[in-house]
Amino acid sequence: MMLSPYGYKTEYPPDYEDHMGMGEAFANAALAVNGTYYPYGVTYEIIYPASGTALDWGYDFGIKYSYSLELPDPKYSWLLPEKFILPIAKETYAGMVASFLYMIDHP
């Protein structure tokens, strides 16, 4: 999941459209690698209300592309079997490259 501000309030941040564009770029690039879909969006809507998050703090202090990435877990909680590590790393890498390119084009 690619989580963007805000988690502590229901309103969208001023940079909402760029956050969604970056999330879409990440999700599409990751999907192209192994077919894994990474949901993206506002923390408050995607998971649940969350206060005190680093991404909200960073955004409120001027970091436009402040976000949190949660890697997929196909049911193993925090004990991911070794066979999943490289595939997830490859799709995450592709997603990060796509998000960085988006950020460069949308400063």
PDB file of N, CA and C in Angstrom:
ATOM      1  N   MET A   1       0.831  -1.179   0.000  1.00  0.00           N
ATOM      2  CA  MET A   1       0.000   0.000   0.000  1.00  0.00           C
ATOM      3  C   MET A   1       0.873   1.238   0.000  1.00  0.00           C
ATOM      4  N   MET A   2       0.462   2.223  -0.766  1.00  0.00           N
ATOM      5  CA  MET A   2       1.147   3.508  -0.783  1.00  0.00           C
ATOM      6  C   MET A   2       0.200   4.486  -0.085  1.00  0.00           C
ATOM      7  N   LEU A   3       0.553   4.856   1.147  1.00  0.00           N
ATOM      8  CA  LEU A   3      -0.298   5.711   1.963  1.00  0.00           C
ATOM      9  C   LEU A   3       0.194   7.151   1.918  1.00  0.00           C
ATOM     10  N   SER A   4      -0.734   8.070   1.709  1.00  0.00           N
ATOM     11  CA  SER A   4      -0.391   9.490   1.654  1.00  0.00           C
ATOM     12  C   SER A   4      -1.176  10.240   2.726  1.00  0.00           C
ATOM     13  N   PRO A   5      -0.807  11.493   2.997  1.00  0.00           N
ATOM     14  CA  PRO A   5      -1.535  12.298   3.979  1.00  0.00           C
ATOM     15  C   PRO A   5      -2.991  12.502   3.560  1.00  0.00           C
ATOM     16  N   TYR A   6      -3.844  12.589   4.437  1.00  0.00           N
ATOM     17  CA  TYR A   6      -3.703  12.646   5.878  1.00  0.00           C
ATOM     18  C   TYR A   6      -4.253  11.380   6.529  1.00  0.00           C
ATOM     19  N   GLY A   7      -3.749  11.096   7.719  1.00  0.00           N
ATOM     20  CA  GLY A   7      -4.299  10.013   8.503  1.00  0.00           C
ATOM     21  C   GLY A   7      -5.101  10.532   9.675  1.00  0.00           C
ATOM     22  N   TYR A   8      -4.815  11.765  10.082  1.00  0.00           N
ATOM     23  CA  TYR A   8      -5.441  12.278  11.295  1.00  0.00           C
ATOM     24  C   TYR A   8      -6.655  13.176  11.046  1.00  0.00           C
ATOM     25  N   LYS A   9      -6.968  13.430   9.784  1.00  0.00           N
ATOM     26  CA  LYS A   9      -8.159  14.219   9.491  1.00  0.00           C
ATOM     27  C   LYS A   9      -8.742  13.813   8.140  1.00  0.00           C
ATOM     28  N   THR A  10     -10.009  14.127   7.947  1.00  0.00           N
ATOM     29  CA  THR A  10     -10.722  13.642   6.767  1.00  0.00           C
ATOM     30  C   THR A  10     -10.505  14.497   5.525  1.00  0.00           C
ATOM     31  N   GLU A  11      -9.958  15.685   5.672  1.00  0.00           N
ATOM     32  CA  GLU A  11      -9.786  16.546   4.495  1.00  0.00           C
ATOM     33  C   GLU A  11      -8.574  16.127   3.666  1.00  0.00           C
ATOM     34  N   TYR A  12      -8.656  16.393   2.374  1.00  0.00           N
ATOM     35  CA  TYR A  12      -7.543  16.098   1.482  1.00  0.00           C
ATOM     36  C   TYR A  12      -6.505  17.213   1.570  1.00  0.00           C
ATOM     37  N   PRO A  13      -5.219  16.863   1.451  1.00  0.00           N
ATOM     38  CA  PRO A  13      -4.182  17.893   1.479  1.00  0.00           C
ATOM     39  C   PRO A  13      -4.177  18.675   0.169  1.00  0.00           C
ATOM     40  N   PRO A  14      -3.587  19.851   0.173  1.00  0.00           N
ATOM     41  CA  PRO A  14      -3.521  20.652  -1.050  1.00  0.00           C
ATOM     42  C   PRO A  14      -2.857  19.930  -2.229  1.00  0.00           C
ATOM     43  N   ASP A  15      -1.952  19.018  -1.968  1.00  0.00           N
ATOM     44  CA  ASP A  15      -1.246  18.302  -3.031  1.00  0.00           C
ATOM     45  C   ASP A  15      -1.871  16.940  -3.349  1.00  0.00           C
ATOM     46  N   TYR A  16      -3.124  16.787  -3.038  1.00  0.00           N
ATOM     47  CA  TYR A  16      -3.826  15.508  -3.209  1.00  0.00           C
ATOM     48  C   TYR A  16      -3.671  14.934  -4.618  1.00  0.00           C
ATOM     49  N   GLU A  17      -3.876  15.748  -5.634  1.00  0.00           N
ATOM     50  CA  GLU A  17      -3.803  15.250  -7.015  1.00  0.00           C
ATOM     51  C   GLU A  17      -2.410  14.700  -7.335  1.00  0.00           C
ATOM     52  N   ASP A  18      -1.372  15.385  -6.900  1.00  0.00           N
ATOM     53  CA  ASP A  18      -0.016  14.879  -7.125  1.00  0.00           C
ATOM     54  C   ASP A  18       0.244  13.602  -6.326  1.00  0.00           C
ATOM     55  N   HIS A  19      -0.284  13.529  -5.116  1.00  0.00           N
ATOM     56  CA  HIS A  19      -0.120  12.311  -4.322  1.00  0.00           C
ATOM     57  C   HIS A  19      -0.772  11.125  -5.020  1.00  0.00           C
ATOM     58  N   MET A  20      -1.959  11.343  -5.573  1.00  0.00           N
ATOM     59  CA  MET A  20      -2.651  10.259  -6.272  1.00  0.00           C
ATOM     60  C   MET A  20      -1.913   9.883  -7.562  1.00  0.00           C
ATOM     61  N   GLY A  21      -1.353  10.881  -8.238  1.00  0.00           N
ATOM     62  CA  GLY A  21      -0.579  10.604  -9.442  1.00  0.00           C
ATOM     63  C   GLY A  21       0.658   9.779  -9.144  1.00  0.00           C
ATOM     64  N   MET A  22       1.339  10.107  -8.062  1.00  0.00           N
ATOM     65  CA  MET A  22       2.519   9.353  -7.673  1.00  0.00           C
ATOM     66  C   MET A  22       2.132   7.945  -7.258  1.00  0.00           C
ATOM     67  N   GLY A  23       1.060   7.819  -6.508  1.00  0.00           N
ATOM     68  CA  GLY A  23       0.594   6.497  -6.093  1.00  0.00           C
ATOM     69  C   GLY A  23       0.221   5.632  -7.284  1.00  0.00           C
ATOM     70  N   GLU A  24      -0.428   6.233  -8.259  1.00  0.00           N
ATOM     71  CA  GLU A  24      -0.803   5.497  -9.467  1.00  0.00           C
ATOM     72  C   GLU A  24       0.440   5.056 -10.247  1.00  0.00           C
ATOM     73  N   ALA A  25       1.424   5.940 -10.328  1.00  0.00           N
ATOM     74  CA  ALA A  25       2.670   5.586 -11.019  1.00  0.00           C
ATOM     75  C   ALA A  25       3.334   4.397 -10.333  1.00  0.00           C
ATOM     76  N   PHE A  26       3.393   4.436  -9.007  1.00  0.00           N
ATOM     77  CA  PHE A  26       3.974   3.324  -8.253  1.00  0.00           C
ATOM     78  C   PHE A  26       3.189   2.043  -8.496  1.00  0.00           C
ATOM     79  N   ALA A  27       1.880   2.115  -8.327  1.00  0.00           N
ATOM     80  CA  ALA A  27       1.037   0.922  -8.445  1.00  0.00           C
ATOM     81  C   ALA A  27       1.123   0.292  -9.827  1.00  0.00           C
ATOM     82  N   ASN A  28       1.109   1.097 -10.876  1.00  0.00           N
ATOM     83  CA  ASN A  28       1.178   0.568 -12.238  1.00  0.00           C
ATOM     84  C   ASN A  28       2.521  -0.104 -12.525  1.00  0.00           C
ATOM     85  N   ALA A  29       3.593   0.513 -12.047  1.00  0.00           N
ATOM     86  CA  ALA A  29       4.922  -0.063 -12.278  1.00  0.00           C
ATOM     87  C   ALA A  29       5.094  -1.368 -11.509  1.00  0.00           C
ATOM     88  N   ALA A  30       4.649  -1.409 -10.271  1.00  0.00           N
ATOM     89  CA  ALA A  30       4.747  -2.634  -9.473  1.00  0.00           C
ATOM     90  C   ALA A  30       3.890  -3.740 -10.074  1.00  0.00           C
ATOM     91  N   LEU A  31       2.706  -3.388 -10.514  1.00  0.00           N
ATOM     92  CA  LEU A  31       1.791  -4.357 -11.115  1.00  0.00           C
ATOM     93  C   LEU A  31       2.408  -5.007 -12.355  1.00  0.00           C
ATOM     94  N   ALA A  32       3.142  -4.241 -13.124  1.00  0.00           N
ATOM     95  CA  ALA A  32       3.738  -4.739 -14.364  1.00  0.00           C
ATOM     96  C   ALA A  32       4.814  -5.796 -14.110  1.00  0.00           C
ATOM     97  N   VAL A  33       5.378  -5.843 -12.910  1.00  0.00           N
ATOM     98  CA  VAL A  33       6.466  -6.784 -12.624  1.00  0.00           C
ATOM     99  C   VAL A  33       5.941  -8.196 -12.353  1.00  0.00           C
ATOM    100  N   ASN A  34       5.058  -8.335 -11.369  1.00  0.00           N
ATOM    101  CA  ASN A  34       4.581  -9.660 -10.952  1.00  0.00           C
ATOM    102  C   ASN A  34       3.062  -9.766 -10.879  1.00  0.00           C
ATOM    103  N   GLY A  35       2.366  -8.703 -11.262  1.00  0.00           N
ATOM    104  CA  GLY A  35       0.915  -8.733 -11.177  1.00  0.00           C
ATOM    105  C   GLY A  35       0.358  -8.425  -9.799  1.00  0.00           C
ATOM    106  N   THR A  36       1.193  -7.908  -8.908  1.00  0.00           N
ATOM    107  CA  THR A  36       0.742  -7.551  -7.563  1.00  0.00           C
ATOM    108  C   THR A  36       0.205  -6.130  -7.574  1.00  0.00           C
ATOM    109  N   TYR A  37      -1.010  -5.954  -7.090  1.00  0.00           N
ATOM    110  CA  TYR A  37      -1.596  -4.615  -7.026  1.00  0.00           C
ATOM    111  C   TYR A  37      -1.303  -3.989  -5.674  1.00  0.00           C
ATOM    112  N   TYR A  38      -0.797  -2.776  -5.691  1.00  0.00           N
ATOM    113  CA  TYR A  38      -0.548  -2.006  -4.479  1.00  0.00           C
ATOM    114  C   TYR A  38      -1.609  -0.908  -4.397  1.00  0.00           C
ATOM    115  N   PRO A  39      -2.555  -1.013  -3.470  1.00  0.00           N
ATOM    116  CA  PRO A  39      -3.524   0.077  -3.310  1.00  0.00           C
ATOM    117  C   PRO A  39      -2.796   1.363  -2.909  1.00  0.00           C
ATOM    118  N   TYR A  40      -3.371   2.493  -3.259  1.00  0.00           N
ATOM    119  CA  TYR A  40      -2.765   3.768  -2.890  1.00  0.00           C
ATOM    120  C   TYR A  40      -3.867   4.762  -2.563  1.00  0.00           C
ATOM    121  N   GLY A  41      -3.536   5.718  -1.710  1.00  0.00           N
ATOM    122  CA  GLY A  41      -4.495   6.753  -1.374  1.00  0.00           C
ATOM    123  C   GLY A  41      -4.251   7.348  -0.001  1.00  0.00           C
ATOM    124  N   VAL A  42      -5.206   8.125   0.429  1.00  0.00           N
ATOM    125  CA  VAL A  42      -5.150   8.826   1.707  1.00  0.00           C
ATOM    126  C   VAL A  42      -5.252   7.804   2.845  1.00  0.00           C
ATOM    127  N   THR A  43      -4.359   7.902   3.791  1.00  0.00           N
ATOM    128  CA  THR A  43      -4.310   6.957   4.907  1.00  0.00           C
ATOM    129  C   THR A  43      -5.665   6.805   5.579  1.00  0.00           C
ATOM    130  N   TYR A  44      -6.320   7.927   5.838  1.00  0.00           N
ATOM    131  CA  TYR A  44      -7.606   7.925   6.544  1.00  0.00           C
ATOM    132  C   TYR A  44      -8.633   7.067   5.812  1.00  0.00           C
ATOM    133  N   GLU A  45      -8.568   7.036   4.490  1.00  0.00           N
ATOM    134  CA  GLU A  45      -9.542   6.287   3.699  1.00  0.00           C
ATOM    135  C   GLU A  45      -9.090   4.862   3.386  1.00  0.00           C
ATOM    136  N   ILE A  46      -7.807   4.664   3.156  1.00  0.00           N
ATOM    137  CA  ILE A  46      -7.303   3.357   2.731  1.00  0.00           C
ATOM    138  C   ILE A  46      -7.265   2.351   3.882  1.00  0.00           C
ATOM    139  N   ILE A  47      -6.831   2.780   5.062  1.00  0.00           N
ATOM    140  CA  ILE A  47      -6.776   1.836   6.181  1.00  0.00           C
ATOM    141  C   ILE A  47      -7.699   2.255   7.319  1.00  0.00           C
ATOM    142  N   TYR A  48      -7.374   3.341   8.002  1.00  0.00           N
ATOM    143  CA  TYR A  48      -8.158   3.799   9.148  1.00  0.00           C
ATOM    144  C   TYR A  48      -7.580   5.129   9.619  1.00  0.00           C
ATOM    145  N   PRO A  49      -8.323   5.858  10.441  1.00  0.00           N
ATOM    146  CA  PRO A  49      -7.763   7.092  11.003  1.00  0.00           C
ATOM    147  C   PRO A  49      -6.508   6.758  11.818  1.00  0.00           C
ATOM    148  N   ALA A  50      -5.481   7.554  11.636  1.00  0.00           N
ATOM    149  CA  ALA A  50      -4.217   7.314  12.343  1.00  0.00           C
ATOM    150  C   ALA A  50      -3.569   8.651  12.663  1.00  0.00           C
ATOM    151  N   SER A  51      -3.378   8.905  13.937  1.00  0.00           N
ATOM    152  CA  SER A  51      -2.736  10.162  14.321  1.00  0.00           C
ATOM    153  C   SER A  51      -1.284   9.906  14.704  1.00  0.00           C
ATOM    154  N   GLY A  52      -0.472  10.931  14.574  1.00  0.00           N
ATOM    155  CA  GLY A  52       0.926  10.844  14.964  1.00  0.00           C
ATOM    156  C   GLY A  52       1.812  10.116  13.969  1.00  0.00           C
ATOM    157  N   THR A  53       1.382  10.034  12.713  1.00  0.00           N
ATOM    158  CA  THR A  53       2.203   9.321  11.729  1.00  0.00           C
ATOM    159  C   THR A  53       3.317  10.213  11.191  1.00  0.00           C
ATOM    160  N   ALA A  54       4.420   9.595  10.824  1.00  0.00           N
ATOM    161  CA  ALA A  54       5.552  10.339  10.278  1.00  0.00           C
ATOM    162  C   ALA A  54       5.192  10.997   8.957  1.00  0.00           C
ATOM    163  N   LEU A  55       4.354  10.354   8.152  1.00  0.00           N
ATOM    164  CA  LEU A  55       4.034  10.942   6.851  1.00  0.00           C
ATOM    165  C   LEU A  55       3.212  12.221   7.019  1.00  0.00           C
ATOM    166  N   ASP A  56       2.294  12.270   7.962  1.00  0.00           N
ATOM    167  CA  ASP A  56       1.541  13.505   8.204  1.00  0.00           C
ATOM    168  C   ASP A  56       2.445  14.589   8.772  1.00  0.00           C
ATOM    169  N   TRP A  57       3.299  14.205   9.695  1.00  0.00           N
ATOM    170  CA  TRP A  57       4.219  15.175  10.279  1.00  0.00           C
ATOM    171  C   TRP A  57       5.102  15.764   9.188  1.00  0.00           C
ATOM    172  N   GLY A  58       5.673  14.907   8.352  1.00  0.00           N
ATOM    173  CA  GLY A  58       6.538  15.379   7.278  1.00  0.00           C
ATOM    174  C   GLY A  58       5.806  16.288   6.317  1.00  0.00           C
ATOM    175  N   TYR A  59       4.592  15.908   5.950  1.00  0.00           N
ATOM    176  CA  TYR A  59       3.820  16.734   5.017  1.00  0.00           C
ATOM    177  C   TYR A  59       3.510  18.093   5.627  1.00  0.00           C
ATOM    178  N   ASP A  60       3.073  18.094   6.876  1.00  0.00           N
ATOM    179  CA  ASP A  60       2.731  19.362   7.529  1.00  0.00           C
ATOM    180  C   ASP A  60       3.937  20.265   7.726  1.00  0.00           C
ATOM    181  N   PHE A  61       5.139  19.707   7.672  1.00  0.00           N
ATOM    182  CA  PHE A  61       6.355  20.511   7.783  1.00  0.00           C
ATOM    183  C   PHE A  61       7.004  20.784   6.435  1.00  0.00           C
ATOM    184  N   GLY A  62       6.269  20.539   5.346  1.00  0.00           N
ATOM    185  CA  GLY A  62       6.727  20.975   4.039  1.00  0.00           C
ATOM    186  C   GLY A  62       7.265  19.925   3.090  1.00  0.00           C
ATOM    187  N   ILE A  63       7.216  18.655   3.453  1.00  0.00           N
ATOM    188  CA  ILE A  63       7.681  17.610   2.544  1.00  0.00           C
ATOM    189  C   ILE A  63       6.500  17.183   1.680  1.00  0.00           C
ATOM    190  N   LYS A  64       6.465  17.668   0.456  1.00  0.00           N
ATOM    191  CA  LYS A  64       5.309  17.453  -0.419  1.00  0.00           C
ATOM    192  C   LYS A  64       4.994  15.978  -0.609  1.00  0.00           C
ATOM    193  N   TYR A  65       5.988  15.193  -0.934  1.00  0.00           N
ATOM    194  CA  TYR A  65       5.765  13.764  -1.189  1.00  0.00           C
ATOM    195  C   TYR A  65       6.136  12.935   0.038  1.00  0.00           C
ATOM    196  N   SER A  66       5.423  13.172   1.098  1.00  0.00           N
ATOM    197  CA  SER A  66       5.586  12.393   2.318  1.00  0.00           C
ATOM    198  C   SER A  66       4.585  11.244   2.252  1.00  0.00           C
ATOM    199  N   TYR A  67       5.066  10.027   2.325  1.00  0.00           N
ATOM    200  CA  TYR A  67       4.181   8.878   2.198  1.00  0.00           C
ATOM    201  C   TYR A  67       4.752   7.698   2.977  1.00  0.00           C
ATOM    202  N   SER A  68       3.954   6.665   3.100  1.00  0.00           N
ATOM    203  CA  SER A  68       4.383   5.434   3.756  1.00  0.00           C
ATOM    204  C   SER A  68       4.079   4.277   2.820  1.00  0.00           C
ATOM    205  N   LEU A  69       5.032   3.403   2.652  1.00  0.00           N
ATOM    206  CA  LEU A  69       4.861   2.234   1.798  1.00  0.00           C
ATOM    207  C   LEU A  69       4.758   1.001   2.681  1.00  0.00           C
ATOM    208  N   GLU A  70       3.697   0.238   2.495  1.00  0.00           N
ATOM    209  CA  GLU A  70       3.549  -1.030   3.197  1.00  0.00           C
ATOM    210  C   GLU A  70       3.643  -2.140   2.165  1.00  0.00           C
ATOM    211  N   LEU A  71       4.581  -3.037   2.374  1.00  0.00           N
ATOM    212  CA  LEU A  71       4.800  -4.119   1.427  1.00  0.00           C
ATOM    213  C   LEU A  71       3.706  -5.177   1.554  1.00  0.00           C
ATOM    214  N   PRO A  72       3.425  -5.870   0.463  1.00  0.00           N
ATOM    215  CA  PRO A  72       2.385  -6.893   0.527  1.00  0.00           C
ATOM    216  C   PRO A  72       2.837  -8.070   1.392  1.00  0.00           C
ATOM    217  N   ASP A  73       1.878  -8.698   1.991  1.00  0.00           N
ATOM    218  CA  ASP A  73       2.143  -9.857   2.825  1.00  0.00           C
ATOM    219  C   ASP A  73       1.075 -10.895   2.512  1.00  0.00           C
ATOM    220  N   PRO A  74       1.464 -11.922   1.807  1.00  0.00           N
ATOM    221  CA  PRO A  74       0.456 -12.890   1.381  1.00  0.00           C
ATOM    222  C   PRO A  74      -0.026 -13.839   2.478  1.00  0.00           C
ATOM    223  N   LYS A  75      -0.118 -13.408   3.701  1.00  0.00           N
ATOM    224  CA  LYS A  75      -0.722 -14.103   4.845  1.00  0.00           C
ATOM    225  C   LYS A  75       0.250 -14.542   5.923  1.00  0.00           C
ATOM    226  N   TYR A  76       1.484 -14.091   5.883  1.00  0.00           N
ATOM    227  CA  TYR A  76       2.474 -14.580   6.826  1.00  0.00           C
ATOM    228  C   TYR A  76       2.830 -13.586   7.928  1.00  0.00           C
ATOM    229  N   SER A  77       2.056 -12.548   8.054  1.00  0.00           N
ATOM    230  CA  SER A  77       2.324 -11.500   9.030  1.00  0.00           C
ATOM    231  C   SER A  77       3.726 -10.938   8.793  1.00  0.00           C
ATOM    232  N   TRP A  78       4.545 -10.846   9.815  1.00  0.00           N
ATOM    233  CA  TRP A  78       5.870 -10.249   9.665  1.00  0.00           C
ATOM    234  C   TRP A  78       6.953 -11.299   9.419  1.00  0.00           C
ATOM    235  N   LEU A  79       6.552 -12.539   9.181  1.00  0.00           N
ATOM    236  CA  LEU A  79       7.518 -13.612   8.960  1.00  0.00           C
ATOM    237  C   LEU A  79       7.442 -14.098   7.511  1.00  0.00           C
ATOM    238  N   LEU A  80       7.743 -13.222   6.600  1.00  0.00           N
ATOM    239  CA  LEU A  80       7.633 -13.515   5.180  1.00  0.00           C
ATOM    240  C   LEU A  80       8.646 -14.581   4.760  1.00  0.00           C
ATOM    241  N   PRO A  81       8.183 -15.664   4.129  1.00  0.00           N
ATOM    242  CA  PRO A  81       9.117 -16.685   3.664  1.00  0.00           C
ATOM    243  C   PRO A  81      10.095 -16.123   2.619  1.00  0.00           C
ATOM    244  N   GLU A  82      11.269 -16.682   2.600  1.00  0.00           N
ATOM    245  CA  GLU A  82      12.343 -16.205   1.739  1.00  0.00           C
ATOM    246  C   GLU A  82      11.943 -16.156   0.259  1.00  0.00           C
ATOM    247  N   LYS A  83      11.110 -17.072  -0.184  1.00  0.00           N
ATOM    248  CA  LYS A  83      10.749 -17.132  -1.601  1.00  0.00           C
ATOM    249  C   LYS A  83       9.980 -15.899  -2.078  1.00  0.00           C
ATOM    250  N   PHE A  84       9.428 -15.119  -1.149  1.00  0.00           N
ATOM    251  CA  PHE A  84       8.679 -13.917  -1.522  1.00  0.00           C
ATOM    252  C   PHE A  84       9.539 -12.650  -1.531  1.00  0.00           C
ATOM    253  N   ILE A  85      10.696 -12.716  -0.927  1.00  0.00           N
ATOM    254  CA  ILE A  85      11.501 -11.502  -0.738  1.00  0.00           C
ATOM    255  C   ILE A  85      11.957 -10.898  -2.069  1.00  0.00           C
ATOM    256  N   LEU A  86      12.563 -11.667  -2.941  1.00  0.00           N
ATOM    257  CA  LEU A  86      13.066 -11.121  -4.202  1.00  0.00           C
ATOM    258  C   LEU A  86      11.938 -10.622  -5.111  1.00  0.00           C
ATOM    259  N   PRO A  87      10.840 -11.364  -5.276  1.00  0.00           N
ATOM    260  CA  PRO A  87       9.748 -10.828  -6.104  1.00  0.00           C
ATOM    261  C   PRO A  87       9.191  -9.502  -5.574  1.00  0.00           C
ATOM    262  N   ILE A  88       9.026  -9.399  -4.265  1.00  0.00           N
ATOM    263  CA  ILE A  88       8.514  -8.157  -3.686  1.00  0.00           C
ATOM    264  C   ILE A  88       9.540  -7.038  -3.843  1.00  0.00           C
ATOM    265  N   ALA A  89      10.822  -7.361  -3.692  1.00  0.00           N
ATOM    266  CA  ALA A  89      11.869  -6.346  -3.879  1.00  0.00           C
ATOM    267  C   ALA A  89      11.866  -5.821  -5.310  1.00  0.00           C
ATOM    268  N   LYS A  90      11.698  -6.697  -6.281  1.00  0.00           N
ATOM    269  CA  LYS A  90      11.708  -6.275  -7.684  1.00  0.00           C
ATOM    270  C   LYS A  90      10.525  -5.371  -8.006  1.00  0.00           C
ATOM    271  N   GLU A  91       9.325  -5.719  -7.534  1.00  0.00           N
ATOM    272  CA  GLU A  91       8.166  -4.878  -7.837  1.00  0.00           C
ATOM    273  C   GLU A  91       8.218  -3.560  -7.072  1.00  0.00           C
ATOM    274  N   THR A  92       8.748  -3.601  -5.861  1.00  0.00           N
ATOM    275  CA  THR A  92       8.892  -2.372  -5.086  1.00  0.00           C
ATOM    276  C   THR A  92       9.912  -1.444  -5.735  1.00  0.00           C
ATOM    277  N   TYR A  93      11.004  -2.004  -6.216  1.00  0.00           N
ATOM    278  CA  TYR A  93      12.024  -1.201  -6.904  1.00  0.00           C
ATOM    279  C   TYR A  93      11.419  -0.509  -8.129  1.00  0.00           C
ATOM    280  N   ALA A  94      10.680  -1.263  -8.928  1.00  0.00           N
ATOM    281  CA  ALA A  94      10.045  -0.676 -10.122  1.00  0.00           C
ATOM    282  C   ALA A  94       9.080   0.437  -9.722  1.00  0.00           C
ATOM    283  N   GLY A  95       8.325   0.207  -8.668  1.00  0.00           N
ATOM    284  CA  GLY A  95       7.385   1.225  -8.189  1.00  0.00           C
ATOM    285  C   GLY A  95       8.086   2.474  -7.695  1.00  0.00           C
ATOM    286  N   MET A  96       9.194   2.294  -6.990  1.00  0.00           N
ATOM    287  CA  MET A  96       9.922   3.455  -6.473  1.00  0.00           C
ATOM    288  C   MET A  96      10.534   4.265  -7.610  1.00  0.00           C
ATOM    289  N   VAL A  97      11.085   3.593  -8.605  1.00  0.00           N
ATOM    290  CA  VAL A  97      11.648   4.312  -9.755  1.00  0.00           C
ATOM    291  C   VAL A  97      10.551   5.137 -10.423  1.00  0.00           C
ATOM    292  N   ALA A  98       9.390   4.516 -10.636  1.00  0.00           N
ATOM    293  CA  ALA A  98       8.273   5.240 -11.264  1.00  0.00           C
ATOM    294  C   ALA A  98       7.820   6.418 -10.410  1.00  0.00           C
ATOM    295  N   SER A  99       7.789   6.239  -9.078  1.00  0.00           N
ATOM    296  CA  SER A  99       7.381   7.368  -8.233  1.00  0.00           C
ATOM    297  C   SER A  99       8.399   8.485  -8.241  1.00  0.00           C
ATOM    298  N   PHE A 100       9.680   8.139  -8.257  1.00  0.00           N
ATOM    299  CA  PHE A 100      10.712   9.178  -8.314  1.00  0.00           C
ATOM    300  C   PHE A 100      10.623   9.964  -9.616  1.00  0.00           C
ATOM    301  N   LEU A 101      10.400   9.266 -10.708  1.00  0.00           N
ATOM    302  CA  LEU A 101      10.257   9.956 -11.995  1.00  0.00           C
ATOM    303  C   LEU A 101       9.025  10.870 -11.992  1.00  0.00           C
ATOM    304  N   TYR A 102       7.956  10.415 -11.368  1.00  0.00           N
ATOM    305  CA  TYR A 102       6.761  11.257 -11.246  1.00  0.00           C
ATOM    306  C   TYR A 102       7.079  12.514 -10.440  1.00  0.00           C
ATOM    307  N   MET A 103       7.779  12.335  -9.321  1.00  0.00           N
ATOM    308  CA  MET A 103       8.112  13.482  -8.471  1.00  0.00           C
ATOM    309  C   MET A 103       8.998  14.488  -9.209  1.00  0.00           C
ATOM    310  N   ILE A 104       9.910  14.000 -10.021  1.00  0.00           N
ATOM    311  CA  ILE A 104      10.781  14.904 -10.791  1.00  0.00           C
ATOM    312  C   ILE A 104       9.942  15.727 -11.759  1.00  0.00           C
ATOM    313  N   ASP A 105       8.965  15.094 -12.384  1.00  0.00           N
ATOM    314  CA  ASP A 105       8.109  15.794 -13.354  1.00  0.00           C
ATOM    315  C   ASP A 105       7.036  16.664 -12.709  1.00  0.00           C
ATOM    316  N   HIS A 106       6.770  16.459 -11.417  1.00  0.00           N
ATOM    317  CA  HIS A 106       5.728  17.207 -10.694  1.00  0.00           C
ATOM    318  C   HIS A 106       6.285  17.723  -9.362  1.00  0.00           C
ATOM    319  N   PRO A 107       7.235  18.652  -9.436  1.00  0.00           N
ATOM    320  CA  PRO A 107       7.889  19.131  -8.187  1.00  0.00           C
ATOM    321  C   PRO A 107       6.940  19.891  -7.269  1.00  0.00           C
TER     322      PRO A 107
END
